[in-house]
């Protein structure tokens, strides 16, 4: 109050903790368990809209995995030898 800041309720601290966990890259299951929520759906419905850039980052991360897989040589399971597939068959 001396700093002129608005009061912070305990519920606000819960939201802050969930947001910080998500921003730090923790899974929704961690948020659910940390906050003692009865289901992961509640965590998802409540907190994923708080950080819209997480959706973009997850899409970019998935794209990086796919692009990285395309640049790595393919190996056969039986021999472990590198098999260079034509570009069209990698898709």
Protein backbone atom coordinates (compact mmCIF):
# COMPACT_ATOMS: atom_id res chain seq x y z
CA UNK A 1 0.00 0.00 0.00
CA UNK A 2 2.88 2.36 0.74
CA UNK A 3 4.15 1.91 -2.82
CA UNK A 4 0.72 2.71 -4.23
CA UNK A 5 0.30 -0.72 -5.78
CA UNK A 6 -3.08 -2.40 -5.92
CA UNK A 7 -3.74 -5.10 -3.34
CA UNK A 8 -2.79 -8.65 -4.33
CA UNK A 9 -5.18 -11.45 -3.42
CA UNK A 10 -4.10 -15.03 -2.76
CA UNK A 11 -6.00 -16.03 -5.92
CA UNK A 12 -3.89 -13.53 -7.92
CA UNK A 13 -0.74 -15.25 -6.64
CA UNK A 14 -2.06 -18.60 -7.90
CA UNK A 15 -2.58 -17.12 -11.36
CA UNK A 16 0.88 -15.60 -11.22
CA UNK A 17 2.46 -18.92 -10.24
CA UNK A 18 0.70 -20.75 -13.08
CA UNK A 19 1.73 -18.11 -15.60
CA UNK A 20 5.36 -18.19 -14.45
CA UNK A 21 5.46 -22.01 -14.64
CA UNK A 22 4.06 -21.99 -18.17
CA UNK A 23 6.41 -19.20 -19.25
CA UNK A 24 9.33 -21.19 -17.85
CA UNK A 25 8.33 -24.07 -20.13
CA UNK A 26 6.75 -26.41 -17.60
CA UNK A 27 4.03 -28.80 -18.71
CA UNK A 28 0.37 -28.21 -17.91
CA UNK A 29 0.49 -31.29 -15.67
CA UNK A 30 3.02 -29.50 -13.47
CA UNK A 31 0.72 -26.47 -13.27
CA UNK A 32 -2.23 -28.70 -12.40
CA UNK A 33 -0.36 -30.49 -9.62
CA UNK A 34 1.28 -27.33 -8.26
CA UNK A 35 -2.02 -25.53 -7.94
CA UNK A 36 -3.91 -28.64 -6.78
CA UNK A 37 -6.39 -28.46 -9.64
CA UNK A 38 -8.74 -31.43 -10.07
CA UNK A 39 -8.03 -31.82 -13.79
CA UNK A 40 -5.55 -30.81 -16.44
CA UNK A 41 -8.48 -29.44 -18.45
CA UNK A 42 -9.02 -26.71 -15.87
CA UNK A 43 -5.34 -25.74 -16.12
CA UNK A 44 -5.52 -25.75 -19.90
CA UNK A 45 -8.76 -23.78 -20.16
CA UNK A 46 -7.69 -21.21 -17.57
CA UNK A 47 -4.02 -20.61 -18.20
CA UNK A 48 -3.11 -21.27 -21.83
CA UNK A 49 -4.89 -18.12 -22.97
CA UNK A 50 -2.68 -16.09 -20.62
CA UNK A 51 0.40 -16.60 -22.77
CA UNK A 52 -0.59 -16.68 -26.47
CA UNK A 53 3.05 -16.64 -27.55
CA UNK A 54 3.41 -20.16 -26.10
CA UNK A 55 1.31 -21.49 -28.97
CA UNK A 56 3.58 -19.80 -31.49
CA UNK A 57 6.71 -21.05 -29.75
CA UNK A 58 5.41 -24.62 -29.63
CA UNK A 59 4.63 -24.48 -33.37
CA UNK A 60 8.14 -23.17 -34.07
CA UNK A 61 9.67 -25.89 -31.88
CA UNK A 62 7.69 -28.59 -33.71
CA UNK A 63 8.78 -27.17 -37.06
CA UNK A 64 12.41 -27.20 -35.92
CA UNK A 65 12.13 -30.89 -34.99
CA UNK A 66 10.69 -31.70 -38.40
CA UNK A 67 13.25 -29.65 -40.27
CA UNK A 68 16.08 -31.16 -38.22
CA UNK A 69 14.80 -34.68 -38.95
CA UNK A 70 14.80 -33.90 -42.67
CA UNK A 71 18.45 -32.87 -42.58
CA UNK A 72 19.60 -35.94 -40.62
CA UNK A 73 20.54 -39.06 -42.60
CA UNK A 74 18.03 -41.90 -42.41
CA UNK A 75 19.25 -45.20 -40.93
CA UNK A 76 17.77 -48.62 -41.43
CA UNK A 77 16.76 -50.33 -38.21
CA UNK A 78 18.28 -53.68 -39.18
CA UNK A 79 21.80 -52.58 -40.17
CA UNK A 80 22.25 -49.10 -38.76
CA UNK A 81 23.67 -48.06 -42.13
CA UNK A 82 22.92 -44.62 -43.47
CA UNK A 83 20.35 -44.69 -46.25
CA UNK A 84 20.03 -41.57 -48.36
CA UNK A 85 16.45 -41.30 -49.46
CA UNK A 86 15.34 -39.06 -52.30
CA UNK A 87 13.89 -35.79 -51.02
CA UNK A 88 10.35 -36.70 -52.14
CA UNK A 89 10.27 -39.90 -50.06
CA UNK A 90 11.19 -38.04 -46.87
CA UNK A 91 7.93 -36.13 -46.83
